[in-house]
Every structure is written in structure tokens, then in C-alpha cells.
Amino acid sequence: MRRVYLVRHGHPDIPLGERWCLGRTDLPLAAIGRMQAALLPFDPELTGKPVFSSYLMRAIETAQPLCPEPRIMPGLEEQDLGEWDGLPFSEIMVRWPELYAAREKNPDVWPESAETPESVRHRMHRAVLSCLQESEGDIVIVSHKSAIDSMTGQRPKLLHTSVSVLEWDGETLTPAEVGRVPHPKLTEEVCLALLHAAGTLEHVIEHCRAVAGMALQLAERAEAAGVPIDRNLLFSAGMLHDVARSEPDHAVLGAAWLRTLGYPDTAEVIAQHHDVEGDALNEAALLFLADKYLQSDREVSLEERFAKSRSRCESEEALRAHDRRFETAKRIENMLNRS
């Protein structure tokens, strides 16, 4: 019995949280999509197998962490969605209100110019068989939601880079699993893969590694005083706290990326590395303090770190926020020294 692993592509280059009607519109992966794809090689079921992909960029880029040159197979592409293709659903709802309302009740309703679900099912079935004929053993196919749904016979909320499985007995393709999302433990290797996939600069990565190490040193002091600390959570948050450093509001965006990847606890700690909440000596507080003890990857005192950053404040509001963070860092430092 051979297995076909159907992987949905990662998040394309559209804003998180927005719904777009993407068929043949050819978009690359967004940063979060590259991060999703970077997790795939840490799923042992997907490694060491022939990898096939549709010709669309978002599928090819998702496949490349598994295989730098995936085999392109015609027929694996997404449904052609006609005049809706490449438009946000917010625009479609305004321009075609009646058709949009009908589709909300019946997902098989599309514009007349769109490819039919039956057509998608037939050409996807042929393409999967071609992939099997051109390979041996189990295979991985990176494709698209409608195309994968046509093979599983289901319409779940198929998340980006989720894995569905078909079994092939030589005659029939039978769905065996639908929509499993790879979720490896956030080890140092996995964190580094995510940082590189996000395009994080090398000097920022070195800072992240230094902060993670410093945070674990602070954890030892807290634990010696009887304060329980989740070291794995603290380490992963330290490694990834600046994953979105080049973007505005990078603490908020980095946390949003980690939530999307399925790591809500790590996301919560990352979200607080600029402004920690509460007075508890916990993972968020230790990450906040560790970050302030390091200028790039060089250890400094809080006074030195904040004196340097204060000169960059250009408004009264920025100065107040800066001074508040300094007071918070000193408070956490004092709590740790007393513990």
C-alpha cells in the first residue's frame, strides 16, 4: 500500500486575516507562509520521498524546504475561479452580492467563467496517478485547497501546510487522513529554520540566540528561589522574540505569526517582550529582562542599555514609554535579586 501525502501550500502574500479568492492568480508565499513551509521538513512522514508540486509559485515555494527542485506536474494547480480570481472576498461581496450570497450557502456556486468542481476532480485524479506512475514508494504532493478537497471528498477548514493522506492499493485512491498540521517542538534547530524563513537578519538572529541564553540563566536564578519556569517555552520565545524585527510593531506581528503557526503560549510571551504585563516573575518577565540586558549580543547593564535608547526618543510620549519600560526592567531585576 502506497501513501500520497497531499500538502496544502503555505500562506500566500496577502494580509493575515483577509480572505481572498485565489485560483490561478500566481502569488509567492508571505513571510508567514515561508515559516509554515519551513516546519515541513521536521515532519518525518514527509522527508525522504519524491516531491511533486503544481506550477504555481506558492506551491513550489512550499515544496522547496522538502526538495529544492520539486517535480512540476500539470493538473495539480488550483481551481480556475474565473472573473473572481485574485480578488478579495470583501470586493466580490460588493460587486456580485447575489452570487456571493448563494455561494455562502452552497460552496459549489462560482461564476460561470470558473472551472467546475467536476473538472478539478478529474484532472487532479489524473495528475495524482501520473505522480504515482513516475515514482516509487510514498510520495508528497504540494497542491491547493480545492484540488485537495476534490481528492478527499471533504471540505474541512484546510489550514495552510496541512497534510492529508491518500492510500493507493494499485487500483483505488482512498482518503486515510485529512488536514493534519505539522507541529514540531520548538527546538533551537526549528527556531533557526523559522528565523531564516522569515528573512530575519543574521545579526538579529545572533541577538535572539544571546537573549535565549540569557533568559535561561535568569530562569536558573528564579528556579533556585522556588519559582517554576517553563524552560522550553522561555527558550523558544527568546529565540523567536525578534522574528519580525524588520516590520512595524514587530512584537505584535511576531506573536501573530506564532499563533498562526500553532504556538499560542510562545506567542503570548513574545507579545510582551516590549511591555510585559503584571508583576509576576514568569517567562514573559524573564524574557523582557533578558532582552534589556543585551545590546545586540553584548551584555550590558540596564542603565547603559536604557541611556543609549533614550537618546532616540523623539517625542514626550516616546520618552514616557521608555521610562516606563526602564522602571519595569528595574522592578523585575529587583524581584529576581530578592528571590
Protein backbone atom coordinates (compact mmCIF):
# COMPACT_ATOMS: atom_id res chain seq x y z
CA MET A 1 0.00 0.00 0.00
CA ARG A 2 1.46 3.31 -1.09
CA ARG A 3 0.67 6.63 0.56
CA VAL A 4 0.18 10.02 -1.09
CA TYR A 5 0.77 12.98 1.23
CA LEU A 6 -1.21 15.95 -0.03
CA VAL A 7 0.18 19.19 1.41
CA ARG A 8 -1.67 22.46 1.03
CA HIS A 9 0.65 25.35 0.19
CA GLY A 10 1.65 27.96 2.80
CA HIS A 11 0.00 31.33 3.32
CA PRO A 12 0.32 33.42 0.12
CA ASP A 13 1.39 37.04 0.02
CA ILE A 14 -1.88 38.53 1.22
CA PRO A 15 -2.53 40.12 4.64
CA LEU A 16 -3.13 37.77 7.56
CA GLY A 17 -6.80 37.57 8.42
CA GLU A 18 -8.09 38.60 4.98
CA ARG A 19 -9.98 36.23 2.68
CA TRP A 20 -9.06 36.27 -1.00
CA CYS A 21 -10.36 34.26 -3.90
CA LEU A 22 -7.12 32.74 -5.18
CA GLY A 23 -7.20 30.25 -8.01
CA ARG A 24 -4.68 30.58 -10.83
CA THR A 25 -3.53 34.03 -9.62
CA ASP A 26 0.15 33.37 -9.07
CA LEU A 27 1.38 34.83 -5.78
CA PRO A 28 4.52 33.92 -3.82
CA LEU A 29 4.42 32.99 -0.16
CA ALA A 30 4.23 35.65 2.52
CA ALA A 31 6.77 35.54 5.36
CA ILE A 32 4.36 33.51 7.48
CA GLY A 33 3.88 31.13 4.53
CA ARG A 34 7.64 30.58 4.30
CA MET A 35 7.69 29.88 8.03
CA GLN A 36 4.88 27.35 7.65
CA ALA A 37 6.81 25.65 4.87
CA ALA A 38 9.98 25.64 6.99
CA LEU A 39 8.24 23.36 9.51
CA LEU A 40 7.52 20.64 6.93
CA PRO A 41 11.00 19.00 6.97
CA PHE A 42 10.58 18.40 10.71
CA ASP A 43 7.67 16.04 9.98
CA PRO A 44 9.37 12.64 9.49
CA GLU A 45 6.47 11.36 7.39
CA LEU A 46 7.25 13.94 4.70
CA THR A 47 11.00 13.55 4.37
CA GLY A 48 12.99 11.34 2.01
CA LYS A 49 10.15 10.98 -0.52
CA PRO A 50 9.67 12.18 -4.11
CA VAL A 51 8.06 15.63 -4.05
CA PHE A 52 5.66 16.92 -6.70
CA SER A 53 4.14 20.38 -6.97
CA SER A 54 1.72 22.42 -9.00
CA TYR A 55 3.29 25.08 -11.20
CA LEU A 56 2.03 27.98 -9.02
CA MET A 57 4.70 29.84 -7.03
CA ARG A 58 3.04 29.41 -3.65
CA ALA A 59 3.10 25.62 -4.10
CA ILE A 60 6.68 25.46 -5.42
CA GLU A 61 7.99 27.64 -2.57
CA THR A 62 6.17 25.43 -0.05
CA ALA A 63 7.72 22.29 -1.56
CA GLN A 64 11.29 23.60 -1.68
CA PRO A 65 12.18 23.06 2.01
CA LEU A 66 11.40 19.38 1.37
CA CYS A 67 13.05 19.25 -2.05
CA PRO A 68 14.94 22.16 -3.68
CA GLU A 69 13.69 21.13 -7.13
CA PRO A 70 10.24 19.54 -6.83
CA ARG A 71 8.79 17.89 -9.93
CA ILE A 72 6.13 20.07 -11.53
CA MET A 73 3.07 18.07 -12.54
CA PRO A 74 0.30 19.63 -14.69
CA GLY A 75 -3.14 19.14 -13.17
CA LEU A 76 -2.17 19.80 -9.54
CA GLU A 77 -2.98 23.52 -9.78
CA GLU A 78 -5.85 25.28 -8.01
CA GLN A 79 -9.32 25.69 -9.49
CA ASP A 80 -9.59 28.47 -12.08
CA LEU A 81 -12.03 30.87 -10.42
CA GLY A 82 -12.81 32.97 -13.46
CA GLU A 83 -13.63 36.64 -13.00
CA TRP A 84 -13.38 36.32 -9.22
CA ASP A 85 -9.81 35.03 -9.38
CA GLY A 86 -7.32 37.18 -7.46
CA LEU A 87 -9.93 39.39 -5.76
CA PRO A 88 -10.58 39.81 -2.02
CA PHE A 89 -13.94 38.43 -0.95
CA SER A 90 -14.80 41.85 0.51
CA GLU A 91 -14.76 43.21 -3.07
CA ILE A 92 -16.59 40.20 -4.51
CA MET A 93 -19.36 40.63 -1.94
CA VAL A 94 -19.96 44.20 -3.18
CA ARG A 95 -19.67 43.53 -6.92
CA TRP A 96 -21.63 40.26 -7.05
CA PRO A 97 -23.86 40.34 -3.94
CA GLU A 98 -26.46 37.79 -5.10
CA LEU A 99 -23.93 35.24 -6.37
CA TYR A 100 -21.80 35.71 -3.26
CA ALA A 101 -24.81 35.13 -1.01
CA ALA A 102 -25.69 31.97 -2.96
CA ARG A 103 -22.15 30.65 -2.61
CA GLU A 104 -22.20 31.17 1.15
CA LYS A 105 -24.98 28.56 1.23
CA ASN A 106 -23.52 26.29 -1.47
CA PRO A 107 -19.70 26.25 -1.86
CA ASP A 108 -20.04 24.77 -5.36
CA VAL A 109 -21.51 28.05 -6.66
CA TRP A 110 -18.96 30.01 -8.70
CA PRO A 111 -19.08 32.47 -11.62
CA GLU A 112 -19.89 30.88 -14.99
CA SER A 113 -16.30 31.60 -16.08
CA ALA A 114 -14.86 29.42 -13.29
CA GLU A 115 -13.67 25.83 -13.67
CA THR A 116 -16.25 23.35 -12.40
CA PRO A 117 -15.57 21.19 -9.32
CA GLU A 118 -16.05 18.10 -11.52
CA SER A 119 -13.30 19.30 -13.84
CA VAL A 120 -11.00 19.89 -10.87
CA ARG A 121 -11.69 16.38 -9.55
CA HIS A 122 -10.99 14.66 -12.89
CA ARG A 123 -7.74 16.41 -13.75
CA MET A 124 -6.47 16.21 -10.14
CA HIS A 125 -7.15 12.46 -10.10
CA ARG A 126 -5.23 12.03 -13.36
CA ALA A 127 -2.35 14.13 -12.05
CA VAL A 128 -2.05 12.13 -8.81
CA LEU A 129 -1.98 8.87 -10.80
CA SER A 130 0.72 10.35 -13.06
CA CYS A 131 2.79 11.22 -9.98
CA LEU A 132 2.45 7.64 -8.74
CA GLN A 133 3.41 6.22 -12.13
CA GLU A 134 6.54 8.38 -12.27
CA SER A 135 7.80 7.38 -8.81
CA GLU A 136 8.17 4.55 -6.34
CA GLY A 137 7.05 4.28 -2.75
CA ASP A 138 5.21 7.00 -0.86
CA ILE A 139 5.12 10.49 -2.37
CA VAL A 140 4.45 14.09 -1.36
CA ILE A 141 2.30 16.38 -3.48
CA VAL A 142 2.05 20.11 -2.75
CA SER A 143 -1.21 21.44 -4.10
CA HIS A 144 -4.20 23.65 -3.24
CA LYS A 145 -7.37 23.57 -1.17
CA SER A 146 -9.98 22.90 -3.86
CA ALA A 147 -7.73 20.38 -5.57
CA ILE A 148 -7.06 18.52 -2.31
CA ASP A 149 -10.74 18.67 -1.30
CA SER A 150 -11.63 17.06 -4.61
CA MET A 151 -9.49 14.04 -3.69
CA THR A 152 -10.57 13.64 -0.08
CA GLY A 153 -14.27 14.24 -0.75
CA GLN A 154 -14.37 16.62 2.22
CA ARG A 155 -14.42 20.38 2.71
CA PRO A 156 -12.84 20.93 6.11
CA LYS A 157 -11.20 24.19 7.13
CA LEU A 158 -7.99 23.08 5.45
CA LEU A 159 -5.22 25.12 7.04
CA HIS A 160 -2.11 26.19 5.15
CA THR A 161 0.56 23.43 5.02
CA SER A 162 -1.90 20.92 6.45
CA VAL A 163 -1.32 17.32 5.39
CA SER A 164 -3.97 14.95 4.04
CA VAL A 165 -3.23 11.33 3.15
CA LEU A 166 -4.48 9.05 0.39
CA GLU A 167 -3.77 5.33 0.27
CA TRP A 168 -3.19 3.66 -3.12
CA ASP A 169 -3.65 -0.08 -3.46
CA GLY A 170 -2.81 -0.11 -7.17
CA GLU A 171 -6.41 0.49 -8.21
CA THR A 172 -8.14 2.89 -5.83
CA LEU A 173 -7.17 6.08 -4.01
CA THR A 174 -8.74 6.07 -0.54
CA PRO A 175 -8.64 9.01 1.90
CA ALA A 176 -6.95 7.99 5.15
CA GLU A 177 -6.38 11.33 6.91
CA VAL A 178 -7.44 14.93 6.33
CA GLY A 179 -5.94 18.21 7.49
CA ARG A 180 -3.19 17.32 9.95
CA VAL A 181 -0.94 20.33 10.60
CA PRO A 182 2.78 19.68 11.32
CA HIS A 183 3.59 20.92 14.83
CA PRO A 184 7.19 20.13 15.82
CA LYS A 185 8.61 21.10 19.19
CA LEU A 186 10.31 24.50 19.04
CA THR A 187 13.88 23.30 19.43
CA GLU A 188 16.84 25.51 18.57
CA GLU A 189 17.02 23.90 15.11
CA VAL A 190 13.34 24.55 14.43
CA CYS A 191 13.57 28.13 15.72
CA LEU A 192 16.56 28.84 13.47
CA ALA A 193 14.67 27.45 10.48
CA LEU A 194 11.77 29.79 11.25
CA LEU A 195 14.06 32.80 11.67
CA HIS A 196 15.78 32.16 8.34
CA ALA A 197 12.45 31.55 6.59
CA ALA A 198 11.11 34.86 7.90
CA GLY A 199 14.13 36.67 6.45
CA THR A 200 15.47 37.71 9.86
CA LEU A 201 18.88 39.37 9.51
CA GLU A 202 21.91 37.45 10.80
CA HIS A 203 22.85 39.99 13.47
CA VAL A 204 19.28 39.87 14.77
CA ILE A 205 19.44 36.06 14.87
CA GLU A 206 22.63 36.30 16.95
CA HIS A 207 20.82 38.68 19.30
CA CYS A 208 17.95 36.21 19.59
CA ARG A 209 20.32 33.39 20.47
CA ALA A 210 22.02 35.56 23.08
CA VAL A 211 18.67 36.59 24.60
CA ALA A 212 17.52 32.96 24.76
CA GLY A 213 20.74 32.01 26.57
CA MET A 214 20.47 34.94 28.97
CA ALA A 215 16.82 34.09 29.68
CA LEU A 216 17.80 30.56 30.69
CA GLN A 217 20.44 31.97 33.06
CA LEU A 218 17.77 34.13 34.69
CA ALA A 219 15.49 31.09 34.86
CA GLU A 220 18.09 29.24 36.94
CA ARG A 221 18.03 32.05 39.49
CA ALA A 222 14.24 32.09 39.59
CA GLU A 223 14.02 28.31 39.92
CA ALA A 224 16.60 28.31 42.73
CA ALA A 225 14.20 30.55 44.65
CA GLY A 226 11.31 28.18 44.02
CA VAL A 227 9.70 30.00 41.09
CA PRO A 228 8.57 27.43 38.45
CA ILE A 229 9.65 28.32 34.92
CA ASP A 230 8.80 26.53 31.67
CA ARG A 231 12.29 26.46 30.17
CA ASN A 232 11.18 25.20 26.76
CA LEU A 233 8.63 28.00 26.49
CA LEU A 234 11.13 30.61 27.64
CA PHE A 235 13.83 29.37 25.26
CA SER A 236 11.57 29.30 22.19
CA ALA A 237 10.21 32.76 22.97
CA GLY A 238 13.75 34.06 23.39
CA MET A 239 14.87 32.56 20.10
CA LEU A 240 11.87 33.97 18.22
CA HIS A 241 11.10 37.23 20.01
CA ASP A 242 12.56 39.36 17.19
CA VAL A 243 11.49 37.15 14.27
CA ALA A 244 9.58 40.12 12.79
CA ARG A 245 12.19 42.71 13.79
CA SER A 246 12.25 44.42 10.39
CA GLU A 247 8.49 45.09 10.48
CA PRO A 248 6.48 47.78 12.32
CA ASP A 249 5.09 46.66 15.70
CA HIS A 250 7.32 43.62 15.45
CA ALA A 251 6.35 42.22 18.86
CA VAL A 252 2.68 42.18 17.86
CA LEU A 253 3.36 40.78 14.38
CA GLY A 254 5.82 38.17 15.63
CA ALA A 255 3.23 36.99 18.14
CA ALA A 256 0.59 36.83 15.39
CA TRP A 257 2.92 34.67 13.28
CA LEU A 258 3.50 32.24 16.15
CA ARG A 259 -0.24 31.99 16.84
CA THR A 260 -0.83 31.22 13.19
CA LEU A 261 1.83 28.51 13.35
CA GLY A 262 0.01 26.94 16.30
CA TYR A 263 2.19 28.07 19.22
CA PRO A 264 -0.10 30.35 21.28
CA ASP A 265 1.92 30.12 24.53
CA THR A 266 5.14 31.19 22.81
CA ALA A 267 3.19 33.93 21.02
CA GLU A 268 1.89 35.32 24.32
CA VAL A 269 5.41 35.64 25.73
CA ILE A 270 6.75 37.22 22.53
CA ALA A 271 3.90 39.74 22.52
CA GLN A 272 5.10 41.06 25.90
CA HIS A 273 8.81 41.42 25.24
CA HIS A 274 8.41 45.20 24.86
CA ASP A 275 5.77 45.80 27.53
CA VAL A 276 5.35 42.98 30.00
CA GLU A 277 2.01 42.64 31.78
CA GLY A 278 1.54 42.19 35.52
CA ASP A 279 4.04 41.84 38.36
CA ALA A 280 4.67 38.09 38.29
CA LEU A 281 8.15 36.65 37.92
CA ASN A 282 7.32 34.43 34.96
CA GLU A 283 8.52 33.58 31.44
CA ALA A 284 7.37 36.91 29.98
CA ALA A 285 9.12 38.89 32.71
CA LEU A 286 12.36 36.96 32.30
CA LEU A 287 12.35 37.41 28.52
CA PHE A 288 11.66 41.14 28.92
CA LEU A 289 14.63 41.48 31.30
CA ALA A 290 16.96 39.27 29.25
CA ASP A 291 16.26 41.37 26.16
CA LYS A 292 17.15 44.53 28.08
CA TYR A 293 20.43 43.04 29.34
CA LEU A 294 21.73 42.66 25.79
CA GLN A 295 22.80 45.27 23.27
CA SER A 296 22.89 43.18 20.11
CA ASP A 297 24.68 40.12 21.57
CA ARG A 298 26.76 42.10 24.14
CA GLU A 299 25.75 42.01 27.80
CA VAL A 300 25.13 45.47 29.31
CA SER A 301 23.60 46.94 32.44
CA LEU A 302 20.06 48.25 32.39
CA GLU A 303 21.40 51.76 32.91
CA GLU A 304 23.68 51.52 29.87
CA ARG A 305 21.02 49.95 27.67
CA PHE A 306 18.34 52.50 28.51
CA ALA A 307 20.67 55.51 28.42
CA LYS A 308 21.56 54.66 24.84
CA SER A 309 17.98 54.05 23.72
CA ARG A 310 16.64 57.17 25.46
CA SER A 311 18.56 59.41 23.08
CA ARG A 312 16.48 58.03 20.21
CA CYS A 313 13.13 59.06 21.70
CA GLU A 314 11.70 61.85 19.57
CA SER A 315 8.52 62.73 21.47
CA GLU A 316 7.22 63.12 25.01
CA GLU A 317 5.09 60.04 24.51
CA ALA A 318 8.13 58.00 23.45
CA LEU A 319 10.07 59.25 26.48
CA ARG A 320 7.27 58.26 28.85
CA ALA A 321 7.08 54.80 27.31
CA HIS A 322 10.87 54.47 27.52
CA ASP A 323 10.96 55.47 31.19
CA ARG A 324 8.09 53.12 31.98
CA ARG A 325 9.99 50.21 30.43
CA PHE A 326 13.11 51.10 32.38
CA GLU A 327 11.10 51.12 35.63
CA THR A 328 9.58 47.75 34.70
CA ALA A 329 13.01 46.26 33.99
CA LYS A 330 14.37 47.55 37.32
CA ARG A 331 11.35 46.13 39.15
CA ILE A 332 11.85 42.68 37.58
CA GLU A 333 15.58 42.86 38.34
CA ASN A 334 14.83 43.68 41.99
CA MET A 335 12.28 40.84 42.20
CA LEU A 336 14.90 38.43 40.87
CA ASN A 337 17.57 39.71 43.25
CA ARG A 338 15.23 39.29 46.24
CA SER A 339 14.11 35.81 45.22
